[in-house]
Every structure is written in structure tokens, then in C-alpha cells.
Amino acid sequence: LLAARAITTLAWNWRAPIAELTADGCIPSPFAYRGYWGWDSWKH
């Protein structure tokens, strides 16, 4: 269950390239963040 929830969260936070970002990325939260945070990106 925990693994499924983690994968679902990563999928929910997946973002396609936009503006000057040329590759997909995963944001920490779709509700509060628009960019990719280094601290989180390495863990993602």
C-alpha cells in the first residue's frame, strides 16, 4: 500500500515541459509549487 501511494504521488506530481523547462520533472506538490526544488528533485 505504501509503495502504491508513493508511486501515485510521484505520478500526480509529474509535469510536462513548460516555458523554459525542456524536460519533464516532478514537483513537490501540485498545490503549492510551480518549480523543481533541488532538495526534492534528487529524491524524486
PDB file of all heavy atoms in Angstrom:
ATOM      1  N   LEU A   1       0.831  -1.201   0.000  1.00  0.00           N
ATOM      2  CA  LEU A   1       0.000   0.000   0.000  1.00  0.00           C
ATOM      3  C   LEU A   1       0.868   1.256   0.000  1.00  0.00           C
ATOM      4  O   LEU A   1       0.621   2.199  -0.761  1.00  0.00           O
ATOM      5  CB  LEU A   1      -0.937   0.008   1.207  1.00  0.00           C
ATOM      6  CG  LEU A   1      -1.795   1.266   1.376  1.00  0.00           C
ATOM      7  CD1 LEU A   1      -2.744   1.440   0.190  1.00  0.00           C
ATOM      8  CD2 LEU A   1      -2.571   1.208   2.674  1.00  0.00           C
ATOM      9  N   LEU A   2       1.902   1.281   0.836  1.00  0.00           N
ATOM     10  CA  LEU A   2       2.787   2.441   0.888  1.00  0.00           C
ATOM     11  C   LEU A   2       3.496   2.661  -0.446  1.00  0.00           C
ATOM     12  O   LEU A   2       3.635   3.798  -0.900  1.00  0.00           O
ATOM     13  CB  LEU A   2       3.806   2.285   2.013  1.00  0.00           C
ATOM     14  CG  LEU A   2       3.245   2.432   3.430  1.00  0.00           C
ATOM     15  CD1 LEU A   2       4.310   2.080   4.465  1.00  0.00           C
ATOM     16  CD2 LEU A   2       2.717   3.829   3.661  1.00  0.00           C
ATOM     17  N   ALA A   3       3.928   1.576  -1.075  1.00  0.00           N
ATOM     18  CA  ALA A   3       4.589   1.691  -2.379  1.00  0.00           C
ATOM     19  C   ALA A   3       3.615   2.239  -3.428  1.00  0.00           C
ATOM     20  O   ALA A   3       3.970   3.116  -4.213  1.00  0.00           O
ATOM     21  CB  ALA A   3       5.148   0.344  -2.813  1.00  0.00           C
ATOM     22  N   ALA A   4       2.394   1.740  -3.416  1.00  0.00           N
ATOM     23  CA  ALA A   4       1.383   2.217  -4.368  1.00  0.00           C
ATOM     24  C   ALA A   4       1.086   3.696  -4.149  1.00  0.00           C
ATOM     25  O   ALA A   4       0.957   4.461  -5.110  1.00  0.00           O
ATOM     26  CB  ALA A   4       0.103   1.392  -4.234  1.00  0.00           C
ATOM     27  N   ARG A   5       1.003   4.115  -2.908  1.00  0.00           N
ATOM     28  CA  ARG A   5       0.736   5.521  -2.608  1.00  0.00           C
ATOM     29  C   ARG A   5       1.907   6.406  -3.040  1.00  0.00           C
ATOM     30  O   ARG A   5       1.711   7.513  -3.555  1.00  0.00           O
ATOM     31  CB  ARG A   5       0.463   5.700  -1.120  1.00  0.00           C
ATOM     32  CG  ARG A   5      -0.877   5.088  -0.726  1.00  0.00           C
ATOM     33  CD  ARG A   5      -1.121   5.185   0.742  1.00  0.00           C
ATOM     34  NE  ARG A   5      -1.678   6.499   1.055  1.00  0.00           N
ATOM     35  CZ  ARG A   5      -1.967   6.895   2.264  1.00  0.00           C
ATOM     36  NH1 ARG A   5      -1.747   6.098   3.299  1.00  0.00           N
ATOM     37  NH2 ARG A   5      -2.486   8.071   2.479  1.00  0.00           N
ATOM     38  N   ALA A   6       3.126   5.931  -2.835  1.00  0.00           N
ATOM     39  CA  ALA A   6       4.301   6.701  -3.241  1.00  0.00           C
ATOM     40  C   ALA A   6       4.335   6.867  -4.755  1.00  0.00           C
ATOM     41  O   ALA A   6       4.589   7.969  -5.272  1.00  0.00           O
ATOM     42  CB  ALA A   6       5.576   6.020  -2.748  1.00  0.00           C
ATOM     43  N   ILE A   7       4.077   5.795  -5.482  1.00  0.00           N
ATOM     44  CA  ILE A   7       4.074   5.859  -6.946  1.00  0.00           C
ATOM     45  C   ILE A   7       2.952   6.769  -7.439  1.00  0.00           C
ATOM     46  O   ILE A   7       3.143   7.569  -8.358  1.00  0.00           O
ATOM     47  CB  ILE A   7       3.962   4.441  -7.549  1.00  0.00           C
ATOM     48  CG1 ILE A   7       5.256   3.674  -7.271  1.00  0.00           C
ATOM     49  CG2 ILE A   7       3.663   4.495  -9.041  1.00  0.00           C
ATOM     50  CD1 ILE A   7       5.181   2.201  -7.561  1.00  0.00           C
ATOM     51  N   THR A   8       1.792   6.698  -6.804  1.00  0.00           N
ATOM     52  CA  THR A   8       0.673   7.569  -7.178  1.00  0.00           C
ATOM     53  C   THR A   8       1.033   9.031  -6.953  1.00  0.00           C
ATOM     54  O   THR A   8       0.733   9.893  -7.784  1.00  0.00           O
ATOM     55  CB  THR A   8      -0.583   7.190  -6.375  1.00  0.00           C
ATOM     56  OG1 THR A   8      -0.920   5.835  -6.664  1.00  0.00           O
ATOM     57  CG2 THR A   8      -1.754   8.090  -6.717  1.00  0.00           C
ATOM     58  N   THR A   9       1.691   9.325  -5.858  1.00  0.00           N
ATOM     59  CA  THR A   9       2.097  10.705  -5.571  1.00  0.00           C
ATOM     60  C   THR A   9       3.085  11.204  -6.611  1.00  0.00           C
ATOM     61  O   THR A   9       2.966  12.333  -7.105  1.00  0.00           O
ATOM     62  CB  THR A   9       2.698  10.813  -4.158  1.00  0.00           C
ATOM     63  OG1 THR A   9       1.702  10.418  -3.211  1.00  0.00           O
ATOM     64  CG2 THR A   9       3.165  12.219  -3.854  1.00  0.00           C
ATOM     65  N   LEU A  10       4.061  10.387  -6.966  1.00  0.00           N
ATOM     66  CA  LEU A  10       5.026  10.784  -7.991  1.00  0.00           C
ATOM     67  C   LEU A  10       4.321  11.038  -9.326  1.00  0.00           C
ATOM     68  O   LEU A  10       4.621  12.011 -10.025  1.00  0.00           O
ATOM     69  CB  LEU A  10       6.111   9.728  -8.148  1.00  0.00           C
ATOM     70  CG  LEU A  10       7.111   9.628  -6.998  1.00  0.00           C
ATOM     71  CD1 LEU A  10       7.951   8.360  -7.129  1.00  0.00           C
ATOM     72  CD2 LEU A  10       8.001  10.864  -6.936  1.00  0.00           C
ATOM     73  N   ALA A  11       3.380  10.178  -9.680  1.00  0.00           N
ATOM     74  CA  ALA A  11       2.641  10.352 -10.939  1.00  0.00           C
ATOM     75  C   ALA A  11       1.794  11.622 -10.894  1.00  0.00           C
ATOM     76  O   ALA A  11       1.714  12.366 -11.879  1.00  0.00           O
ATOM     77  CB  ALA A  11       1.770   9.131 -11.213  1.00  0.00           C
ATOM     78  N   TRP A  12       1.163  11.892  -9.771  1.00  0.00           N
ATOM     79  CA  TRP A  12       0.319  13.080  -9.610  1.00  0.00           C
ATOM     80  C   TRP A  12       1.145  14.366  -9.759  1.00  0.00           C
ATOM     81  O   TRP A  12       0.666  15.369 -10.260  1.00  0.00           O
ATOM     82  CB  TRP A  12      -0.350  13.021  -8.246  1.00  0.00           C
ATOM     83  CG  TRP A  12      -1.240  14.185  -7.947  1.00  0.00           C
ATOM     84  CD1 TRP A  12      -0.940  15.245  -7.157  1.00  0.00           C
ATOM     85  CD2 TRP A  12      -2.570  14.418  -8.427  1.00  0.00           C
ATOM     86  NE1 TRP A  12      -2.000  16.119  -7.107  1.00  0.00           N
ATOM     87  CE2 TRP A  12      -3.009  15.640  -7.881  1.00  0.00           C
ATOM     88  CE3 TRP A  12      -3.424  13.713  -9.273  1.00  0.00           C
ATOM     89  CZ2 TRP A  12      -4.265  16.163  -8.147  1.00  0.00           C
ATOM     90  CZ3 TRP A  12      -4.677  14.244  -9.525  1.00  0.00           C
ATOM     91  CH2 TRP A  12      -5.084  15.445  -8.975  1.00  0.00           C
ATOM     92  N   ASN A  13       2.393  14.319  -9.316  1.00  0.00           N
ATOM     93  CA  ASN A  13       3.257  15.499  -9.311  1.00  0.00           C
ATOM     94  C   ASN A  13       4.118  15.618 -10.578  1.00  0.00           C
ATOM     95  O   ASN A  13       4.940  16.517 -10.679  1.00  0.00           O
ATOM     96  CB  ASN A  13       4.151  15.489  -8.072  1.00  0.00           C
ATOM     97  CG  ASN A  13       3.341  15.608  -6.796  1.00  0.00           C
ATOM     98  OD1 ASN A  13       2.150  15.875  -6.823  1.00  0.00           O
ATOM     99  ND2 ASN A  13       3.986  15.411  -5.675  1.00  0.00           N
ATOM    100  N   TRP A  14       3.928  14.728 -11.514  1.00  0.00           N
ATOM    101  CA  TRP A  14       4.682  14.730 -12.771  1.00  0.00           C
ATOM    102  C   TRP A  14       4.209  15.899 -13.631  1.00  0.00           C
ATOM    103  O   TRP A  14       3.010  16.096 -13.819  1.00  0.00           O
ATOM    104  CB  TRP A  14       4.403  13.422 -13.481  1.00  0.00           C
ATOM    105  CG  TRP A  14       5.231  13.096 -14.682  1.00  0.00           C
ATOM    106  CD1 TRP A  14       5.734  13.940 -15.620  1.00  0.00           C
ATOM    107  CD2 TRP A  14       5.625  11.790 -15.085  1.00  0.00           C
ATOM    108  NE1 TRP A  14       6.411  13.250 -16.583  1.00  0.00           N
ATOM    109  CE2 TRP A  14       6.362  11.926 -16.277  1.00  0.00           C
ATOM    110  CE3 TRP A  14       5.417  10.525 -14.559  1.00  0.00           C
ATOM    111  CZ2 TRP A  14       6.893  10.833 -16.954  1.00  0.00           C
ATOM    112  CZ3 TRP A  14       5.948   9.438 -15.234  1.00  0.00           C
ATOM    113  CH2 TRP A  14       6.675   9.594 -16.410  1.00  0.00           C
ATOM    114  N   ARG A  15       5.140  16.658 -14.160  1.00  0.00           N
ATOM    115  CA  ARG A  15       4.811  17.792 -15.008  1.00  0.00           C
ATOM    116  C   ARG A  15       5.571  17.713 -16.331  1.00  0.00           C
ATOM    117  O   ARG A  15       6.741  17.352 -16.365  1.00  0.00           O
ATOM    118  CB  ARG A  15       5.156  19.119 -14.318  1.00  0.00           C
ATOM    119  CG  ARG A  15       4.312  19.388 -13.086  1.00  0.00           C
ATOM    120  CD  ARG A  15       2.850  19.582 -13.490  1.00  0.00           C
ATOM    121  NE  ARG A  15       1.962  19.793 -12.366  1.00  0.00           N
ATOM    122  CZ  ARG A  15       1.218  18.842 -11.787  1.00  0.00           C
ATOM    123  NH1 ARG A  15       1.275  17.607 -12.207  1.00  0.00           N
ATOM    124  NH2 ARG A  15       0.414  19.140 -10.794  1.00  0.00           N
ATOM    125  N   ALA A  16       4.885  18.077 -17.394  1.00  0.00           N
ATOM    126  CA  ALA A  16       5.486  18.109 -18.726  1.00  0.00           C
ATOM    127  C   ALA A  16       6.305  19.382 -18.878  1.00  0.00           C
ATOM    128  O   ALA A  16       6.150  20.328 -18.099  1.00  0.00           O
ATOM    129  CB  ALA A  16       4.377  18.063 -19.776  1.00  0.00           C
ATOM    130  N   PRO A  17       7.166  19.429 -19.880  1.00  0.00           N
ATOM    131  CA  PRO A  17       7.931  20.657 -20.129  1.00  0.00           C
ATOM    132  C   PRO A  17       6.988  21.853 -20.301  1.00  0.00           C
ATOM    133  O   PRO A  17       5.913  21.731 -20.879  1.00  0.00           O
ATOM    134  CB  PRO A  17       8.670  20.360 -21.425  1.00  0.00           C
ATOM    135  CG  PRO A  17       8.762  18.878 -21.482  1.00  0.00           C
ATOM    136  CD  PRO A  17       7.492  18.381 -20.835  1.00  0.00           C
ATOM    137  N   ILE A  18       7.427  22.988 -19.794  1.00  0.00           N
ATOM    138  CA  ILE A  18       6.645  24.225 -19.907  1.00  0.00           C
ATOM    139  C   ILE A  18       7.623  25.399 -19.939  1.00  0.00           C
ATOM    140  O   ILE A  18       8.656  25.358 -19.290  1.00  0.00           O
ATOM    141  CB  ILE A  18       5.646  24.373 -18.739  1.00  0.00           C
ATOM    142  CG1 ILE A  18       4.810  25.630 -18.897  1.00  0.00           C
ATOM    143  CG2 ILE A  18       6.354  24.365 -17.409  1.00  0.00           C
ATOM    144  CD1 ILE A  18       3.693  25.779 -17.870  1.00  0.00           C
ATOM    145  N   ALA A  19       7.270  26.390 -20.699  1.00  0.00           N
ATOM    146  CA  ALA A  19       8.078  27.607 -20.812  1.00  0.00           C
ATOM    147  C   ALA A  19       9.533  27.243 -21.107  1.00  0.00           C
ATOM    148  O   ALA A  19       9.810  26.588 -22.096  1.00  0.00           O
ATOM    149  CB  ALA A  19       7.937  28.462 -19.562  1.00  0.00           C
ATOM    150  N   GLU A  20      10.461  27.612 -20.230  1.00  0.00           N
ATOM    151  CA  GLU A  20      11.889  27.359 -20.452  1.00  0.00           C
ATOM    152  C   GLU A  20      12.351  26.001 -19.933  1.00  0.00           C
ATOM    153  O   GLU A  20      13.519  25.658 -20.084  1.00  0.00           O
ATOM    154  CB  GLU A  20      12.716  28.458 -19.785  1.00  0.00           C
ATOM    155  CG  GLU A  20      12.491  29.832 -20.371  1.00  0.00           C
ATOM    156  CD  GLU A  20      13.232  30.904 -19.601  1.00  0.00           C
ATOM    157  OE1 GLU A  20      14.254  30.602 -18.953  1.00  0.00           O
ATOM    158  OE2 GLU A  20      12.774  32.057 -19.632  1.00  0.00           O
ATOM    159  N   LEU A  21      11.471  25.237 -19.330  1.00  0.00           N
ATOM    160  CA  LEU A  21      11.842  23.894 -18.852  1.00  0.00           C
ATOM    161  C   LEU A  21      11.691  22.924 -20.012  1.00  0.00           C
ATOM    162  O   LEU A  21      10.595  22.749 -20.533  1.00  0.00           O
ATOM    163  CB  LEU A  21      10.954  23.475 -17.674  1.00  0.00           C
ATOM    164  CG  LEU A  21      11.064  24.350 -16.437  1.00  0.00           C
ATOM    165  CD1 LEU A  21      10.035  23.928 -15.393  1.00  0.00           C
ATOM    166  CD2 LEU A  21      12.462  24.292 -15.859  1.00  0.00           C
ATOM    167  N   THR A  22      12.785  22.305 -20.405  1.00  0.00           N
ATOM    168  CA  THR A  22      12.786  21.487 -21.620  1.00  0.00           C
ATOM    169  C   THR A  22      12.605  20.001 -21.376  1.00  0.00           C
ATOM    170  O   THR A  22      12.583  19.225 -22.317  1.00  0.00           O
ATOM    171  CB  THR A  22      14.101  21.706 -22.390  1.00  0.00           C
ATOM    172  OG1 THR A  22      15.191  21.354 -21.530  1.00  0.00           O
ATOM    173  CG2 THR A  22      14.246  23.159 -22.827  1.00  0.00           C
ATOM    174  N   ALA A  23      12.482  19.606 -20.120  1.00  0.00           N
ATOM    175  CA  ALA A  23      12.299  18.183 -19.816  1.00  0.00           C
ATOM    176  C   ALA A  23      11.208  18.035 -18.762  1.00  0.00           C
ATOM    177  O   ALA A  23      10.881  18.976 -18.047  1.00  0.00           O
ATOM    178  CB  ALA A  23      13.605  17.574 -19.297  1.00  0.00           C
ATOM    179  N   ASP A  24      10.659  16.833 -18.693  1.00  0.00           N
ATOM    180  CA  ASP A  24       9.678  16.532 -17.656  1.00  0.00           C
ATOM    181  C   ASP A  24      10.328  16.648 -16.283  1.00  0.00           C
ATOM    182  O   ASP A  24      11.552  16.536 -16.151  1.00  0.00           O
ATOM    183  CB  ASP A  24       9.168  15.094 -17.793  1.00  0.00           C
ATOM    184  CG  ASP A  24       8.286  14.892 -19.011  1.00  0.00           C
ATOM    185  OD1 ASP A  24       8.172  15.815 -19.829  1.00  0.00           O
ATOM    186  OD2 ASP A  24       7.711  13.805 -19.118  1.00  0.00           O
ATOM    187  N   GLY A  25       9.512  16.831 -15.289  1.00  0.00           N
ATOM    188  CA  GLY A  25      10.019  16.871 -13.925  1.00  0.00           C
ATOM    189  C   GLY A  25       8.905  16.569 -12.947  1.00  0.00           C
ATOM    190  O   GLY A  25       7.732  16.507 -13.308  1.00  0.00           O
ATOM    191  N   CYS A  26       9.290  16.386 -11.725  1.00  0.00           N
ATOM    192  CA  CYS A  26       8.349  16.073 -10.660  1.00  0.00           C
ATOM    193  C   CYS A  26       8.437  17.188  -9.623  1.00  0.00           C
ATOM    194  O   CYS A  26       9.519  17.510  -9.136  1.00  0.00           O
ATOM    195  CB  CYS A  26       8.726  14.725 -10.045  1.00  0.00           C
ATOM    196  SG  CYS A  26       7.463  14.038  -8.991  1.00  0.00           S
ATOM    197  N   ILE A  27       7.299  17.806  -9.321  1.00  0.00           N
ATOM    198  CA  ILE A  27       7.270  18.888  -8.352  1.00  0.00           C
ATOM    199  C   ILE A  27       6.904  18.329  -6.978  1.00  0.00           C
ATOM    200  O   ILE A  27       6.301  17.268  -6.881  1.00  0.00           O
ATOM    201  CB  ILE A  27       6.284  19.996  -8.779  1.00  0.00           C
ATOM    202  CG1 ILE A  27       4.872  19.438  -8.953  1.00  0.00           C
ATOM    203  CG2 ILE A  27       6.757  20.671 -10.052  1.00  0.00           C
ATOM    204  CD1 ILE A  27       3.828  20.469  -9.285  1.00  0.00           C
ATOM    205  N   PRO A  28       7.260  19.048  -5.898  1.00  0.00           N
ATOM    206  CA  PRO A  28       6.945  18.536  -4.558  1.00  0.00           C
ATOM    207  C   PRO A  28       5.449  18.462  -4.273  1.00  0.00           C
ATOM    208  O   PRO A  28       5.007  17.593  -3.547  1.00  0.00           O
ATOM    209  CB  PRO A  28       7.611  19.538  -3.612  1.00  0.00           C
ATOM    210  CG  PRO A  28       8.620  20.252  -4.426  1.00  0.00           C
ATOM    211  CD  PRO A  28       8.106  20.239  -5.834  1.00  0.00           C
ATOM    212  N   SER A  29       4.671  19.384  -4.838  1.00  0.00           N
ATOM    213  CA  SER A  29       3.230  19.407  -4.596  1.00  0.00           C
ATOM    214  C   SER A  29       2.554  20.184  -5.719  1.00  0.00           C
ATOM    215  O   SER A  29       3.014  21.267  -6.076  1.00  0.00           O
ATOM    216  CB  SER A  29       2.926  20.080  -3.257  1.00  0.00           C
ATOM    217  OG  SER A  29       1.540  20.366  -3.148  1.00  0.00           O
ATOM    218  N   PRO A  30       1.457  19.655  -6.254  1.00  0.00           N
ATOM    219  CA  PRO A  30       0.780  20.386  -7.332  1.00  0.00           C
ATOM    220  C   PRO A  30      -0.012  21.585  -6.817  1.00  0.00           C
ATOM    221  O   PRO A  30      -0.501  22.380  -7.596  1.00  0.00           O
ATOM    222  CB  PRO A  30      -0.146  19.333  -7.940  1.00  0.00           C
ATOM    223  CG  PRO A  30      -0.418  18.389  -6.830  1.00  0.00           C
ATOM    224  CD  PRO A  30       0.829  18.370  -5.996  1.00  0.00           C
ATOM    225  N   PHE A  31      -0.118  21.723  -5.522  1.00  0.00           N
ATOM    226  CA  PHE A  31      -0.937  22.784  -4.954  1.00  0.00           C
ATOM    227  C   PHE A  31      -0.145  24.012  -4.530  1.00  0.00           C
ATOM    228  O   PHE A  31      -0.697  25.093  -4.415  1.00  0.00           O
ATOM    229  CB  PHE A  31      -1.722  22.250  -3.752  1.00  0.00           C
ATOM    230  CG  PHE A  31      -2.511  21.022  -4.092  1.00  0.00           C
ATOM    231  CD1 PHE A  31      -2.131  19.785  -3.607  1.00  0.00           C
ATOM    232  CD2 PHE A  31      -3.612  21.083  -4.924  1.00  0.00           C
ATOM    233  CE1 PHE A  31      -2.836  18.641  -3.936  1.00  0.00           C
ATOM    234  CE2 PHE A  31      -4.326  19.949  -5.272  1.00  0.00           C
ATOM    235  CZ  PHE A  31      -3.940  18.724  -4.761  1.00  0.00           C
ATOM    236  N   ALA A  32       1.135  23.857  -4.274  1.00  0.00           N
ATOM    237  CA  ALA A  32       1.893  24.978  -3.721  1.00  0.00           C
ATOM    238  C   ALA A  32       3.174  25.311  -4.487  1.00  0.00           C
ATOM    239  O   ALA A  32       3.776  26.331  -4.212  1.00  0.00           O
ATOM    240  CB  ALA A  32       2.243  24.675  -2.266  1.00  0.00           C
ATOM    241  N   TYR A  33       3.593  24.471  -5.419  1.00  0.00           N
ATOM    242  CA  TYR A  33       4.883  24.666  -6.077  1.00  0.00           C
ATOM    243  C   TYR A  33       4.711  24.687  -7.588  1.00  0.00           C
ATOM    244  O   TYR A  33       3.942  23.915  -8.131  1.00  0.00           O
ATOM    245  CB  TYR A  33       5.857  23.551  -5.708  1.00  0.00           C
ATOM    246  CG  TYR A  33       6.129  23.464  -4.235  1.00  0.00           C
ATOM    247  CD1 TYR A  33       5.432  22.583  -3.437  1.00  0.00           C
ATOM    248  CD2 TYR A  33       7.083  24.276  -3.647  1.00  0.00           C
ATOM    249  CE1 TYR A  33       5.680  22.505  -2.078  1.00  0.00           C
ATOM    250  CE2 TYR A  33       7.337  24.206  -2.293  1.00  0.00           C
ATOM    251  CZ  TYR A  33       6.632  23.322  -1.509  1.00  0.00           C
ATOM    252  OH  TYR A  33       6.879  23.246  -0.175  1.00  0.00           O
ATOM    253  N   ARG A  34       5.471  25.548  -8.225  1.00  0.00           N
ATOM    254  CA  ARG A  34       5.447  25.601  -9.686  1.00  0.00           C
ATOM    255  C   ARG A  34       6.752  25.115 -10.286  1.00  0.00           C
ATOM    256  O   ARG A  34       6.823  24.825 -11.464  1.00  0.00           O
ATOM    257  CB  ARG A  34       5.177  27.024 -10.143  1.00  0.00           C
ATOM    258  CG  ARG A  34       3.831  27.520  -9.701  1.00  0.00           C
ATOM    259  CD  ARG A  34       3.593  28.877 -10.223  1.00  0.00           C
ATOM    260  NE  ARG A  34       3.562  28.792 -11.685  1.00  0.00           N
ATOM    261  CZ  ARG A  34       3.041  29.697 -12.458  1.00  0.00           C
ATOM    262  NH1 ARG A  34       2.528  30.762 -11.943  1.00  0.00           N
ATOM    263  NH2 ARG A  34       3.050  29.559 -13.753  1.00  0.00           N
ATOM    264  N   GLY A  35       7.795  25.058  -9.477  1.00  0.00           N
ATOM    265  CA  GLY A  35       9.108  24.692  -9.987  1.00  0.00           C
ATOM    266  C   GLY A  35       9.622  23.403  -9.386  1.00  0.00           C
ATOM    267  O   GLY A  35       8.954  22.741  -8.601  1.00  0.00           O
ATOM    268  N   TYR A  36      10.844  23.083  -9.775  1.00  0.00           N
ATOM    269  CA  TYR A  36      11.515  21.875  -9.300  1.00  0.00           C
ATOM    270  C   TYR A  36      12.538  22.279  -8.251  1.00  0.00           C
ATOM    271  O   TYR A  36      13.434  23.066  -8.525  1.00  0.00           O
ATOM    272  CB  TYR A  36      12.177  21.141 -10.463  1.00  0.00           C
ATOM    273  CG  TYR A  36      11.206  20.848 -11.576  1.00  0.00           C
ATOM    274  CD1 TYR A  36      11.444  21.277 -12.863  1.00  0.00           C
ATOM    275  CD2 TYR A  36      10.036  20.156 -11.318  1.00  0.00           C
ATOM    276  CE1 TYR A  36      10.548  21.013 -13.887  1.00  0.00           C
ATOM    277  CE2 TYR A  36       9.127  19.894 -12.337  1.00  0.00           C
ATOM    278  CZ  TYR A  36       9.391  20.326 -13.605  1.00  0.00           C
ATOM    279  OH  TYR A  36       8.492  20.076 -14.604  1.00  0.00           O
ATOM    280  N   TRP A  37      12.409  21.754  -7.086  1.00  0.00           N
ATOM    281  CA  TRP A  37      13.272  22.080  -5.963  1.00  0.00           C
ATOM    282  C   TRP A  37      14.397  21.058  -5.882  1.00  0.00           C
ATOM    283  O   TRP A  37      14.148  19.852  -5.859  1.00  0.00           O
ATOM    284  CB  TRP A  37      12.465  22.089  -4.676  1.00  0.00           C
ATOM    285  CG  TRP A  37      11.453  23.192  -4.670  1.00  0.00           C
ATOM    286  CD1 TRP A  37      10.348  23.300  -5.483  1.00  0.00           C
ATOM    287  CD2 TRP A  37      11.471  24.360  -3.876  1.00  0.00           C
ATOM    288  NE1 TRP A  37       9.691  24.453  -5.226  1.00  0.00           N
ATOM    289  CE2 TRP A  37      10.350  25.133  -4.238  1.00  0.00           C
ATOM    290  CE3 TRP A  37      12.324  24.828  -2.887  1.00  0.00           C
ATOM    291  CZ2 TRP A  37      10.068  26.346  -3.651  1.00  0.00           C
ATOM    292  CZ3 TRP A  37      12.031  26.034  -2.298  1.00  0.00           C
ATOM    293  CH2 TRP A  37      10.917  26.783  -2.678  1.00  0.00           C
ATOM    294  N   GLY A  38      15.629  21.540  -5.837  1.00  0.00           N
ATOM    295  CA  GLY A  38      16.789  20.659  -5.801  1.00  0.00           C
ATOM    296  C   GLY A  38      16.703  19.626  -4.693  1.00  0.00           C
ATOM    297  O   GLY A  38      16.957  18.445  -4.904  1.00  0.00           O
ATOM    298  N   TRP A  39      16.333  20.056  -3.513  1.00  0.00           N
ATOM    299  CA  TRP A  39      16.263  19.150  -2.359  1.00  0.00           C
ATOM    300  C   TRP A  39      15.342  17.977  -2.645  1.00  0.00           C
ATOM    301  O   TRP A  39      15.625  16.839  -2.290  1.00  0.00           O
ATOM    302  CB  TRP A  39      15.785  19.937  -1.141  1.00  0.00           C
ATOM    303  CG  TRP A  39      15.691  19.140   0.099  1.00  0.00           C
ATOM    304  CD1 TRP A  39      14.546  18.674   0.690  1.00  0.00           C
ATOM    305  CD2 TRP A  39      16.766  18.694   0.942  1.00  0.00           C
ATOM    306  NE1 TRP A  39      14.837  17.982   1.830  1.00  0.00           N
ATOM    307  CE2 TRP A  39      16.210  17.983   2.008  1.00  0.00           C
ATOM    308  CE3 TRP A  39      18.150  18.833   0.880  1.00  0.00           C
ATOM    309  CZ2 TRP A  39      16.976  17.409   3.008  1.00  0.00           C
ATOM    310  CZ3 TRP A  39      18.902  18.268   1.881  1.00  0.00           C
ATOM    311  CH2 TRP A  39      18.319  17.572   2.927  1.00  0.00           C
ATOM    312  N   ASP A  40      14.226  18.250  -3.293  1.00  0.00           N
ATOM    313  CA  ASP A  40      13.254  17.202  -3.597  1.00  0.00           C
ATOM    314  C   ASP A  40      13.598  16.450  -4.883  1.00  0.00           C
ATOM    315  O   ASP A  40      13.350  15.254  -4.985  1.00  0.00           O
ATOM    316  CB  ASP A  40      11.851  17.814  -3.737  1.00  0.00           C
ATOM    317  CG  ASP A  40      11.413  18.507  -2.478  1.00  0.00           C
ATOM    318  OD1 ASP A  40      11.075  17.809  -1.511  1.00  0.00           O
ATOM    319  OD2 ASP A  40      11.420  19.746  -2.447  1.00  0.00           O
ATOM    320  N   SER A  41      14.157  17.169  -5.854  1.00  0.00           N
ATOM    321  CA  SER A  41      14.404  16.559  -7.165  1.00  0.00           C
ATOM    322  C   SER A  41      15.321  15.352  -7.095  1.00  0.00           C
ATOM    323  O   SER A  41      15.109  14.358  -7.784  1.00  0.00           O
ATOM    324  CB  SER A  41      14.994  17.595  -8.124  1.00  0.00           C
ATOM    325  OG  SER A  41      14.024  18.566  -8.435  1.00  0.00           O
ATOM    326  N   TRP A  42      16.350  15.424  -6.271  1.00  0.00           N
ATOM    327  CA  TRP A  42      17.268  14.285  -6.169  1.00  0.00           C
ATOM    328  C   TRP A  42      16.542  13.068  -5.590  1.00  0.00           C
ATOM    329  O   TRP A  42      16.753  11.940  -6.020  1.00  0.00           O
ATOM    330  CB  TRP A  42      18.482  14.623  -5.304  1.00  0.00           C
ATOM    331  CG  TRP A  42      19.058  15.973  -5.605  1.00  0.00           C
ATOM    332  CD1 TRP A  42      19.158  17.034  -4.750  1.00  0.00           C
ATOM    333  CD2 TRP A  42      19.584  16.429  -6.850  1.00  0.00           C
ATOM    334  NE1 TRP A  42      19.714  18.119  -5.388  1.00  0.00           N
ATOM    335  CE2 TRP A  42      19.989  17.768  -6.682  1.00  0.00           C
ATOM    336  CE3 TRP A  42      19.764  15.849  -8.096  1.00  0.00           C
ATOM    337  CZ2 TRP A  42      20.557  18.526  -7.702  1.00  0.00           C
ATOM    338  CZ3 TRP A  42      20.323  16.602  -9.118  1.00  0.00           C
ATOM    339  CH2 TRP A  42      20.713  17.913  -8.912  1.00  0.00           C
ATOM    340  N   LYS A  43      15.667  13.319  -4.618  1.00  0.00           N
ATOM    341  CA  LYS A  43      14.901  12.209  -4.010  1.00  0.00           C
ATOM    342  C   LYS A  43      13.891  11.650  -5.003  1.00  0.00           C
ATOM    343  O   LYS A  43      13.694  10.429  -5.078  1.00  0.00           O
ATOM    344  CB  LYS A  43      14.203  12.694  -2.746  1.00  0.00           C
ATOM    345  CG  LYS A  43      15.174  13.100  -1.670  1.00  0.00           C
ATOM    346  CD  LYS A  43      14.443  13.720  -0.512  1.00  0.00           C
ATOM    347  CE  LYS A  43      15.419  14.416   0.409  1.00  0.00           C
ATOM    348  NZ  LYS A  43      14.744  15.168   1.443  1.00  0.00           N
ATOM    349  N   HIS A  44      13.245  12.528  -5.746  1.00  0.00           N
ATOM    350  CA  HIS A  44      12.307  12.061  -6.768  1.00  0.00           C
ATOM    351  C   HIS A  44      13.032  11.188  -7.789  1.00  0.00           C
ATOM    352  O   HIS A  44      12.546  10.124  -8.162  1.00  0.00           O
ATOM    353  CB  HIS A  44      11.657  13.245  -7.489  1.00  0.00           C
ATOM    354  CG  HIS A  44      10.773  14.071  -6.629  1.00  0.00           C
ATOM    355  ND1 HIS A  44      10.547  15.399  -6.884  1.00  0.00           N
ATOM    356  CD2 HIS A  44      10.065  13.792  -5.517  1.00  0.00           C
ATOM    357  CE1 HIS A  44       9.729  15.890  -5.977  1.00  0.00           C
ATOM    358  NE2 HIS A  44       9.430  14.930  -5.126  1.00  0.00           N
TER     359      HIS A  44
END
